[in-house]
Amino acid sequence: MTDFVLPTLAALIGVLAGYGATTLYHRRRARDQDTDVRLLRGRDTDRINALRSRLAEKEAAQGVLASATDTIDAAYARLTARSQEGGPTP
């Protein structure tokens, strides 16, 4: 009877040890993947924020250029209106 019990116990211990090792491996792997995802999302958030700030800077610069263009257009319109009327030009 002991010839049958000892190999069976050894096999059960081996199966349990393998199950435990596999469970630990998968838990660590899942934790590492979660960490990787968090790091990637953090990097993506940083990149998105950098792009947003650059876009805001470009929009501000475009606003300044539009204002300057409007001022130049208005001055040119006044200048051409005076010259067409035959008045003195500055």
PDB file of N, CA and C in Angstrom:
ATOM      1  N   MET A   1       0.806  -1.179   0.000  1.00  0.00           N
ATOM      2  CA  MET A   1       0.000   0.000   0.000  1.00  0.00           C
ATOM      3  C   MET A   1       0.858   1.255   0.000  1.00  0.00           C
ATOM      4  N   THR A   2       1.986   1.227   0.686  1.00  0.00           N
ATOM      5  CA  THR A   2       2.853   2.399   0.713  1.00  0.00           C
ATOM      6  C   THR A   2       3.490   2.648  -0.639  1.00  0.00           C
ATOM      7  N   ASP A   3       3.595   1.632  -1.441  1.00  0.00           N
ATOM      8  CA  ASP A   3       4.156   1.809  -2.775  1.00  0.00           C
ATOM      9  C   ASP A   3       3.248   2.689  -3.637  1.00  0.00           C
ATOM     10  N   PHE A   4       1.976   2.688  -3.382  1.00  0.00           N
ATOM     11  CA  PHE A   4       1.023   3.477  -4.153  1.00  0.00           C
ATOM     12  C   PHE A   4       0.840   4.880  -3.556  1.00  0.00           C
ATOM     13  N   VAL A   5       0.924   5.025  -2.240  1.00  0.00           N
ATOM     14  CA  VAL A   5       0.651   6.283  -1.555  1.00  0.00           C
ATOM     15  C   VAL A   5       1.782   7.292  -1.768  1.00  0.00           C
ATOM     16  N   LEU A   6       3.000   6.871  -1.646  1.00  0.00           N
ATOM     17  CA  LEU A   6       4.123   7.806  -1.769  1.00  0.00           C
ATOM     18  C   LEU A   6       4.226   8.434  -3.159  1.00  0.00           C
ATOM     19  N   PRO A   7       4.140   7.713  -4.237  1.00  0.00           N
ATOM     20  CA  PRO A   7       4.168   8.349  -5.552  1.00  0.00           C
ATOM     21  C   PRO A   7       2.962   9.264  -5.784  1.00  0.00           C
ATOM     22  N   THR A   8       1.798   8.883  -5.248  1.00  0.00           N
ATOM     23  CA  THR A   8       0.613   9.713  -5.405  1.00  0.00           C
ATOM     24  C   THR A   8       0.797  11.043  -4.667  1.00  0.00           C
ATOM     25  N   LEU A   9       1.295  10.979  -3.437  1.00  0.00           N
ATOM     26  CA  LEU A   9       1.557  12.206  -2.674  1.00  0.00           C
ATOM     27  C   LEU A   9       2.609  13.064  -3.358  1.00  0.00           C
ATOM     28  N   ALA A  10       3.636  12.454  -3.874  1.00  0.00           N
ATOM     29  CA  ALA A  10       4.679  13.206  -4.575  1.00  0.00           C
ATOM     30  C   ALA A  10       4.101  13.888  -5.817  1.00  0.00           C
ATOM     31  N   ALA A  11       3.232  13.189  -6.527  1.00  0.00           N
ATOM     32  CA  ALA A  11       2.611  13.784  -7.716  1.00  0.00           C
ATOM     33  C   ALA A  11       1.701  14.940  -7.327  1.00  0.00           C
ATOM     34  N   LEU A  12       0.918  14.771  -6.262  1.00  0.00           N
ATOM     35  CA  LEU A  12       0.039  15.847  -5.802  1.00  0.00           C
ATOM     36  C   LEU A  12       0.844  17.059  -5.337  1.00  0.00           C
ATOM     37  N   ILE A  13       1.929  16.824  -4.643  1.00  0.00           N
ATOM     38  CA  ILE A  13       2.787  17.929  -4.198  1.00  0.00           C
ATOM     39  C   ILE A  13       3.387  18.644  -5.404  1.00  0.00           C
ATOM     40  N   GLY A  14       3.793  17.877  -6.390  1.00  0.00           N
ATOM     41  CA  GLY A  14       4.324  18.477  -7.614  1.00  0.00           C
ATOM     42  C   GLY A  14       3.293  19.303  -8.348  1.00  0.00           C
ATOM     43  N   VAL A  15       2.075  18.802  -8.436  1.00  0.00           N
ATOM     44  CA  VAL A  15       1.000  19.536  -9.105  1.00  0.00           C
ATOM     45  C   VAL A  15       0.703  20.825  -8.349  1.00  0.00           C
ATOM     46  N   LEU A  16       0.600  20.747  -7.026  1.00  0.00           N
ATOM     47  CA  LEU A  16       0.330  21.932  -6.215  1.00  0.00           C
ATOM     48  C   LEU A  16       1.458  22.951  -6.317  1.00  0.00           C
ATOM     49  N   ALA A  17       2.695  22.475  -6.327  1.00  0.00           N
ATOM     50  CA  ALA A  17       3.831  23.388  -6.469  1.00  0.00           C
ATOM     51  C   ALA A  17       3.807  24.055  -7.832  1.00  0.00           C
ATOM     52  N   GLY A  18       3.510  23.294  -8.862  1.00  0.00           N
ATOM     53  CA  GLY A  18       3.410  23.867 -10.208  1.00  0.00           C
ATOM     54  C   GLY A  18       2.284  24.872 -10.312  1.00  0.00           C
ATOM     55  N   TYR A  19       1.153  24.573  -9.701  1.00  0.00           N
ATOM     56  CA  TYR A  19       0.020  25.496  -9.708  1.00  0.00           C
ATOM     57  C   TYR A  19       0.372  26.788  -8.987  1.00  0.00           C
ATOM     58  N   GLY A  20       1.029  26.655  -7.837  1.00  0.00           N
ATOM     59  CA  GLY A  20       1.432  27.843  -7.081  1.00  0.00           C
ATOM     60  C   GLY A  20       2.425  28.700  -7.849  1.00  0.00           C
ATOM     61  N   ALA A  21       3.402  28.044  -8.466  1.00  0.00           N
ATOM     62  CA  ALA A  21       4.396  28.792  -9.244  1.00  0.00           C
ATOM     63  C   ALA A  21       3.749  29.484 -10.439  1.00  0.00           C
ATOM     64  N   THR A  22       2.831  28.791 -11.103  1.00  0.00           N
ATOM     65  CA  THR A  22       2.147  29.377 -12.255  1.00  0.00           C
ATOM     66  C   THR A  22       1.285  30.552 -11.829  1.00  0.00           C
ATOM     67  N   THR A  23       0.596  30.410 -10.714  1.00  0.00           N
ATOM     68  CA  THR A  23      -0.242  31.499 -10.203  1.00  0.00           C
ATOM     69  C   THR A  23       0.615  32.714  -9.877  1.00  0.00           C
ATOM     70  N   LEU A  24       1.742  32.514  -9.201  1.00  0.00           N
ATOM     71  CA  LEU A  24       2.633  33.629  -8.887  1.00  0.00           C
ATOM     72  C   LEU A  24       3.151  34.292 -10.152  1.00  0.00           C
ATOM     73  N   TYR A  25       3.522  33.481 -11.138  1.00  0.00           N
ATOM     74  CA  TYR A  25       4.029  34.024 -12.394  1.00  0.00           C
ATOM     75  C   TYR A  25       2.986  34.899 -13.068  1.00  0.00           C
ATOM     76  N   HIS A  26       1.758  34.403 -13.156  1.00  0.00           N
ATOM     77  CA  HIS A  26       0.712  35.160 -13.843  1.00  0.00           C
ATOM     78  C   HIS A  26       0.331  36.419 -13.071  1.00  0.00           C
ATOM     79  N   ARG A  27       0.333  36.353 -11.754  1.00  0.00           N
ATOM     80  CA  ARG A  27       0.034  37.548 -10.964  1.00  0.00           C
ATOM     81  C   ARG A  27       1.121  38.609 -11.164  1.00  0.00           C
ATOM     82  N   ARG A  28       2.368  38.184 -11.133  1.00  0.00           N
ATOM     83  CA  ARG A  28       3.465  39.145 -11.361  1.00  0.00           C
ATOM     84  C   ARG A  28       3.405  39.722 -12.762  1.00  0.00           C
ATOM     85  N   ARG A  29       3.106  38.859 -13.727  1.00  0.00           N
ATOM     86  CA  ARG A  29       3.014  39.329 -15.103  1.00  0.00           C
ATOM     87  C   ARG A  29       1.879  40.340 -15.263  1.00  0.00           C
ATOM     88  N   ALA A  30       0.738  40.063 -14.659  1.00  0.00           N
ATOM     89  CA  ALA A  30      -0.397  40.993 -14.731  1.00  0.00           C
ATOM     90  C   ALA A  30      -0.050  42.307 -14.038  1.00  0.00           C
ATOM     91  N   ARG A  31       0.625  42.229 -12.894  1.00  0.00           N
ATOM     92  CA  ARG A  31       1.029  43.444 -12.185  1.00  0.00           C
ATOM     93  C   ARG A  31       2.017  44.254 -13.021  1.00  0.00           C
ATOM     94  N   ASP A  32       2.971  43.570 -13.627  1.00  0.00           N
ATOM     95  CA  ASP A  32       3.942  44.266 -14.472  1.00  0.00           C
ATOM     96  C   ASP A  32       3.264  44.894 -15.681  1.00  0.00           C
ATOM     97  N   GLN A  33       2.290  44.209 -16.273  1.00  0.00           N
ATOM     98  CA  GLN A  33       1.565  44.772 -17.401  1.00  0.00           C
ATOM     99  C   GLN A  33       0.764  45.997 -16.979  1.00  0.00           C
ATOM    100  N   ASP A  34       0.153  45.931 -15.796  1.00  0.00           N
ATOM    101  CA  ASP A  34      -0.584  47.088 -15.287  1.00  0.00           C
ATOM    102  C   ASP A  34       0.349  48.271 -15.074  1.00  0.00           C
ATOM    103  N   THR A  35       1.531  47.990 -14.559  1.00  0.00           N
ATOM    104  CA  THR A  35       2.519  49.048 -14.355  1.00  0.00           C
ATOM    105  C   THR A  35       2.951  49.642 -15.688  1.00  0.00           C
ATOM    106  N   ASP A  36       3.185  48.790 -16.668  1.00  0.00           N
ATOM    107  CA  ASP A  36       3.559  49.271 -17.997  1.00  0.00           C
ATOM    108  C   ASP A  36       2.467  50.141 -18.599  1.00  0.00           C
ATOM    109  N   VAL A  37       1.234  49.716 -18.452  1.00  0.00           N
ATOM    110  CA  VAL A  37       0.117  50.487 -18.997  1.00  0.00           C
ATOM    111  C   VAL A  37       0.032  51.843 -18.319  1.00  0.00           C
ATOM    112  N   ARG A  38       0.206  51.871 -16.991  1.00  0.00           N
ATOM    113  CA  ARG A  38       0.163  53.148 -16.280  1.00  0.00           C
ATOM    114  C   ARG A  38       1.287  54.068 -16.730  1.00  0.00           C
ATOM    115  N   LEU A  39       2.477  53.504 -16.924  1.00  0.00           N
ATOM    116  CA  LEU A  39       3.604  54.325 -17.380  1.00  0.00           C
ATOM    117  C   LEU A  39       3.351  54.871 -18.778  1.00  0.00           C
ATOM    118  N   LEU A  40       2.838  54.021 -19.666  1.00  0.00           N
ATOM    119  CA  LEU A  40       2.549  54.474 -21.028  1.00  0.00           C
ATOM    120  C   LEU A  40       1.469  55.543 -21.032  1.00  0.00           C
ATOM    121  N   ARG A  41       0.438  55.351 -20.225  1.00  0.00           N
ATOM    122  CA  ARG A  41      -0.615  56.359 -20.159  1.00  0.00           C
ATOM    123  C   ARG A  41      -0.078  57.667 -19.599  1.00  0.00           C
ATOM    124  N   GLY A  42       0.817  57.559 -18.624  1.00  0.00           N
ATOM    125  CA  GLY A  42       1.427  58.772 -18.079  1.00  0.00           C
ATOM    126  C   GLY A  42       2.242  59.504 -19.130  1.00  0.00           C
ATOM    127  N   ARG A  43       2.993  58.747 -19.921  1.00  0.00           N
ATOM    128  CA  ARG A  43       3.770  59.367 -20.999  1.00  0.00           C
ATOM    129  C   ARG A  43       2.845  59.984 -22.033  1.00  0.00           C
ATOM    130  N   ASP A  44       1.766  59.260 -22.360  1.00  0.00           N
ATOM    131  CA  ASP A  44       0.809  59.798 -23.329  1.00  0.00           C
ATOM    132  C   ASP A  44       0.181  61.080 -22.813  1.00  0.00           C
ATOM    133  N   THR A  45      -0.147  61.110 -21.530  1.00  0.00           N
ATOM    134  CA  THR A  45      -0.727  62.316 -20.941  1.00  0.00           C
ATOM    135  C   THR A  45       0.254  63.469 -21.024  1.00  0.00           C
ATOM    136  N   ASP A  46       1.528  63.183 -20.742  1.00  0.00           N
ATOM    137  CA  ASP A  46       2.542  64.241 -20.848  1.00  0.00           C
ATOM    138  C   ASP A  46       2.659  64.745 -22.284  1.00  0.00           C
ATOM    139  N   ARG A  47       2.652  63.828 -23.237  1.00  0.00           N
ATOM    140  CA  ARG A  47       2.749  64.225 -24.646  1.00  0.00           C
ATOM    141  C   ARG A  47       1.524  65.032 -25.074  1.00  0.00           C
ATOM    142  N   ILE A  48       0.361  64.596 -24.637  1.00  0.00           N
ATOM    143  CA  ILE A  48      -0.863  65.312 -24.991  1.00  0.00           C
ATOM    144  C   ILE A  48      -0.838  66.718 -24.403  1.00  0.00           C
ATOM    145  N   ASN A  49      -0.409  66.839 -23.148  1.00  0.00           N
ATOM    146  CA  ASN A  49      -0.336  68.165 -22.532  1.00  0.00           C
ATOM    147  C   ASN A  49       0.674  69.054 -23.246  1.00  0.00           C
ATOM    148  N   ALA A  50       1.796  68.481 -23.675  1.00  0.00           N
ATOM    149  CA  ALA A  50       2.789  69.260 -24.418  1.00  0.00           C
ATOM    150  C   ALA A  50       2.216  69.723 -25.758  1.00  0.00           C
ATOM    151  N   LEU A  51       1.502  68.834 -26.439  1.00  0.00           N
ATOM    152  CA  LEU A  51       0.883  69.216 -27.713  1.00  0.00           C
ATOM    153  C   LEU A  51      -0.179  70.289 -27.516  1.00  0.00           C
ATOM    154  N   ARG A  52      -0.944  70.169 -26.443  1.00  0.00           N
ATOM    155  CA  ARG A  52      -1.964  71.187 -26.168  1.00  0.00           C
ATOM    156  C   ARG A  52      -1.332  72.547 -25.908  1.00  0.00           C
ATOM    157  N   SER A  53      -0.233  72.570 -25.164  1.00  0.00           N
ATOM    158  CA  SER A  53       0.414  73.860 -24.889  1.00  0.00           C
ATOM    159  C   SER A  53       1.008  74.444 -26.162  1.00  0.00           C
ATOM    160  N   ARG A  54       1.589  73.583 -27.022  1.00  0.00           N
ATOM    161  CA  ARG A  54       2.117  74.098 -28.288  1.00  0.00           C
ATOM    162  C   ARG A  54       0.996  74.621 -29.174  1.00  0.00           C
ATOM    163  N   LEU A  55      -0.143  73.937 -29.175  1.00  0.00           N
ATOM    164  CA  LEU A  55      -1.292  74.395 -29.950  1.00  0.00           C
ATOM    165  C   LEU A  55      -1.789  75.740 -29.422  1.00  0.00           C
ATOM    166  N   ALA A  56      -1.830  75.881 -28.109  1.00  0.00           N
ATOM    167  CA  ALA A  56      -2.265  77.156 -27.528  1.00  0.00           C
ATOM    168  C   ALA A  56      -1.308  78.279 -27.908  1.00  0.00           C
ATOM    169  N   GLU A  57      -0.004  77.981 -27.914  1.00  0.00           N
ATOM    170  CA  GLU A  57       0.980  78.991 -28.324  1.00  0.00           C
ATOM    171  C   GLU A  57       0.771  79.381 -29.786  1.00  0.00           C
ATOM    172  N   LYS A  58       0.527  78.402 -30.644  1.00  0.00           N
ATOM    173  CA  LYS A  58       0.308  78.698 -32.063  1.00  0.00           C
ATOM    174  C   LYS A  58      -0.968  79.502 -32.266  1.00  0.00           C
ATOM    175  N   GLU A  59      -2.017  79.142 -31.512  1.00  0.00           N
ATOM    176  CA  GLU A  59      -3.260  79.899 -31.633  1.00  0.00           C
ATOM    177  C   GLU A  59      -3.076  81.332 -31.168  1.00  0.00           C
ATOM    178  N   ALA A  60      -2.289  81.532 -30.110  1.00  0.00           N
ATOM    179  CA  ALA A  60      -2.020  82.892 -29.635  1.00  0.00           C
ATOM    180  C   ALA A  60      -1.227  83.665 -30.686  1.00  0.00           C
ATOM    181  N   ALA A  61      -0.232  83.011 -31.286  1.00  0.00           N
ATOM    182  CA  ALA A  61       0.561  83.672 -32.326  1.00  0.00           C
ATOM    183  C   ALA A  61      -0.310  84.003 -33.535  1.00  0.00           C
ATOM    184  N   GLN A  62      -1.214  83.105 -33.897  1.00  0.00           N
ATOM    185  CA  GLN A  62      -2.105  83.379 -35.018  1.00  0.00           C
ATOM    186  C   GLN A  62      -3.041  84.544 -34.700  1.00  0.00           C
ATOM    187  N   GLY A  63      -3.455  84.640 -33.447  1.00  0.00           N
ATOM    188  CA  GLY A  63      -4.290  85.762 -33.038  1.00  0.00           C
ATOM    189  C   GLY A  63      -3.555  87.082 -33.164  1.00  0.00           C
ATOM    190  N   VAL A  64      -2.286  87.094 -32.764  1.00  0.00           N
ATOM    191  CA  VAL A  64      -1.474  88.313 -32.887  1.00  0.00           C
ATOM    192  C   VAL A  64      -1.285  88.671 -34.355  1.00  0.00           C
ATOM    193  N   LEU A  65      -0.998  87.662 -35.182  1.00  0.00           N
ATOM    194  CA  LEU A  65      -0.824  87.915 -36.614  1.00  0.00           C
ATOM    195  C   LEU A  65      -2.121  88.418 -37.257  1.00  0.00           C
ATOM    196  N   ALA A  66      -3.245  87.860 -36.859  1.00  0.00           N
ATOM    197  CA  ALA A  66      -4.526  88.308 -37.406  1.00  0.00           C
ATOM    198  C   ALA A  66      -4.794  89.751 -37.002  1.00  0.00           C
ATOM    199  N   SER A  67      -4.487  90.096 -35.771  1.00  0.00           N
ATOM    200  CA  SER A  67      -4.684  91.473 -35.306  1.00  0.00           C
ATOM    201  C   SER A  67      -3.775  92.436 -36.069  1.00  0.00           C
ATOM    202  N   ALA A  68      -2.517  92.028 -36.262  1.00  0.00           N
ATOM    203  CA  ALA A  68      -1.581  92.874 -37.003  1.00  0.00           C
ATOM    204  C   ALA A  68      -2.025  93.026 -38.456  1.00  0.00           C
ATOM    205  N   THR A  69      -2.494  91.952 -39.046  1.00  0.00           N
ATOM    206  CA  THR A  69      -2.974  92.010 -40.427  1.00  0.00           C
ATOM    207  C   THR A  69      -4.184  92.930 -40.545  1.00  0.00           C
ATOM    208  N   ASP A  70      -5.087  92.847 -39.585  1.00  0.00           N
ATOM    209  CA  ASP A  70      -6.255  93.734 -39.597  1.00  0.00           C
ATOM    210  C   ASP A  70      -5.831  95.197 -39.491  1.00  0.00           C
ATOM    211  N   THR A  71      -4.865  95.482 -38.634  1.00  0.00           N
ATOM    212  CA  THR A  71      -4.376  96.857 -38.473  1.00  0.00           C
ATOM    213  C   THR A  71      -3.744  97.358 -39.767  1.00  0.00           C
ATOM    214  N   ILE A  72      -2.936  96.514 -40.403  1.00  0.00           N
ATOM    215  CA  ILE A  72      -2.280  96.903 -41.657  1.00  0.00           C
ATOM    216  C   ILE A  72      -3.318  97.096 -42.756  1.00  0.00           C
ATOM    217  N   ASP A  73      -4.298  96.193 -42.820  1.00  0.00           N
ATOM    218  CA  ASP A  73      -5.358  96.334 -43.828  1.00  0.00           C
ATOM    219  C   ASP A  73      -6.150  97.622 -43.629  1.00  0.00           C
ATOM    220  N   ALA A  74      -6.450  97.946 -42.386  1.00  0.00           N
ATOM    221  CA  ALA A  74      -7.200  99.174 -42.099  1.00  0.00           C
ATOM    222  C   ALA A  74      -6.376 100.400 -42.475  1.00  0.00           C
ATOM    223  N   ALA A  75      -5.084 100.397 -42.173  1.00  0.00           N
ATOM    224  CA  ALA A  75      -4.229 101.525 -42.528  1.00  0.00           C
ATOM    225  C   ALA A  75      -4.114 101.660 -44.039  1.00  0.00           C
ATOM    226  N   TYR A  76      -3.986 100.548 -44.737  1.00  0.00           N
ATOM    227  CA  TYR A  76      -3.885 100.573 -46.195  1.00  0.00           C
ATOM    228  C   TYR A  76      -5.195 101.079 -46.796  1.00  0.00           C
ATOM    229  N   ALA A  77      -6.313 100.645 -46.231  1.00  0.00           N
ATOM    230  CA  ALA A  77      -7.613 101.102 -46.738  1.00  0.00           C
ATOM    231  C   ALA A  77      -7.756 102.609 -46.552  1.00  0.00           C
ATOM    232  N   ARG A  78      -7.319 103.121 -45.411  1.00  0.00           N
ATOM    233  CA  ARG A  78      -7.377 104.571 -45.198  1.00  0.00           C
ATOM    234  C   ARG A  78      -6.473 105.305 -46.171  1.00  0.00           C
ATOM    235  N   LEU A  79      -5.303 104.748 -46.412  1.00  0.00           N
ATOM    236  CA  LEU A  79      -4.345 105.376 -47.321  1.00  0.00           C
ATOM    237  C   LEU A  79      -4.894 105.400 -48.746  1.00  0.00           C
ATOM    238  N   THR A  80      -5.438 104.297 -49.204  1.00  0.00           N
ATOM    239  CA  THR A  80      -5.968 104.267 -50.582  1.00  0.00           C
ATOM    240  C   THR A  80      -7.226 105.122 -50.694  1.00  0.00           C
ATOM    241  N   ALA A  81      -8.009 105.199 -49.641  1.00  0.00           N
ATOM    242  CA  ALA A  81      -9.208 106.040 -49.687  1.00  0.00           C
ATOM    243  C   ALA A  81      -8.821 107.505 -49.807  1.00  0.00           C
ATOM    244  N   ARG A  82      -7.786 107.938 -49.102  1.00  0.00           N
ATOM    245  CA  ARG A  82      -7.351 109.330 -49.184  1.00  0.00           C
ATOM    246  C   ARG A  82      -6.772 109.654 -50.548  1.00  0.00           C
ATOM    247  N   SER A  83      -5.989 108.691 -51.082  1.00  0.00           N
ATOM    248  CA  SER A  83      -5.382 108.967 -52.380  1.00  0.00           C
ATOM    249  C   SER A  83      -6.435 108.977 -53.487  1.00  0.00           C
ATOM    250  N   GLN A  84      -7.488 108.221 -53.357  1.00  0.00           N
ATOM    251  CA  GLN A  84      -8.552 108.212 -54.364  1.00  0.00           C
ATOM    252  C   GLN A  84      -9.405 109.472 -54.295  1.00  0.00           C
ATOM    253  N   GLU A  85      -9.497 110.030 -53.087  1.00  0.00           N
ATOM    254  CA  GLU A  85     -10.255 111.262 -52.940  1.00  0.00           C
ATOM    255  C   GLU A  85      -9.478 112.485 -53.430  1.00  0.00           C
ATOM    256  N   GLY A  86      -8.212 112.313 -53.640  1.00  0.00           N
ATOM    257  CA  GLY A  86      -7.382 113.398 -54.093  1.00  0.00           C
ATOM    258  C   GLY A  86      -6.813 114.233 -52.934  1.00  0.00           C
ATOM    259  N   GLY A  87      -6.966 113.719 -51.729  1.00  0.00           N
ATOM    260  CA  GLY A  87      -6.446 114.430 -50.581  1.00  0.00           C
ATOM    261  C   GLY A  87      -4.975 114.135 -50.372  1.00  0.00           C
ATOM    262  N   PRO A  88      -4.360 114.823 -49.433  1.00  0.00           N
ATOM    263  CA  PRO A  88      -2.947 114.592 -49.161  1.00  0.00           C
ATOM    264  C   PRO A  88      -2.722 113.210 -48.537  1.00  0.00           C
ATOM    265  N   THR A  89      -1.659 112.611 -48.927  1.00  0.00           N
ATOM    266  CA  THR A  89      -1.300 111.312 -48.340  1.00  0.00           C
ATOM    267  C   THR A  89      -0.185 111.544 -47.340  1.00  0.00           C
ATOM    268  N   PRO A  90      -0.232 110.857 -46.242  1.00  0.00           N
ATOM    269  CA  PRO A  90       0.808 111.067 -45.218  1.00  0.00           C
ATOM    270  C   PRO A  90       2.157 110.540 -45.641  1.00  0.00           C
TER     271      PRO A  90
END
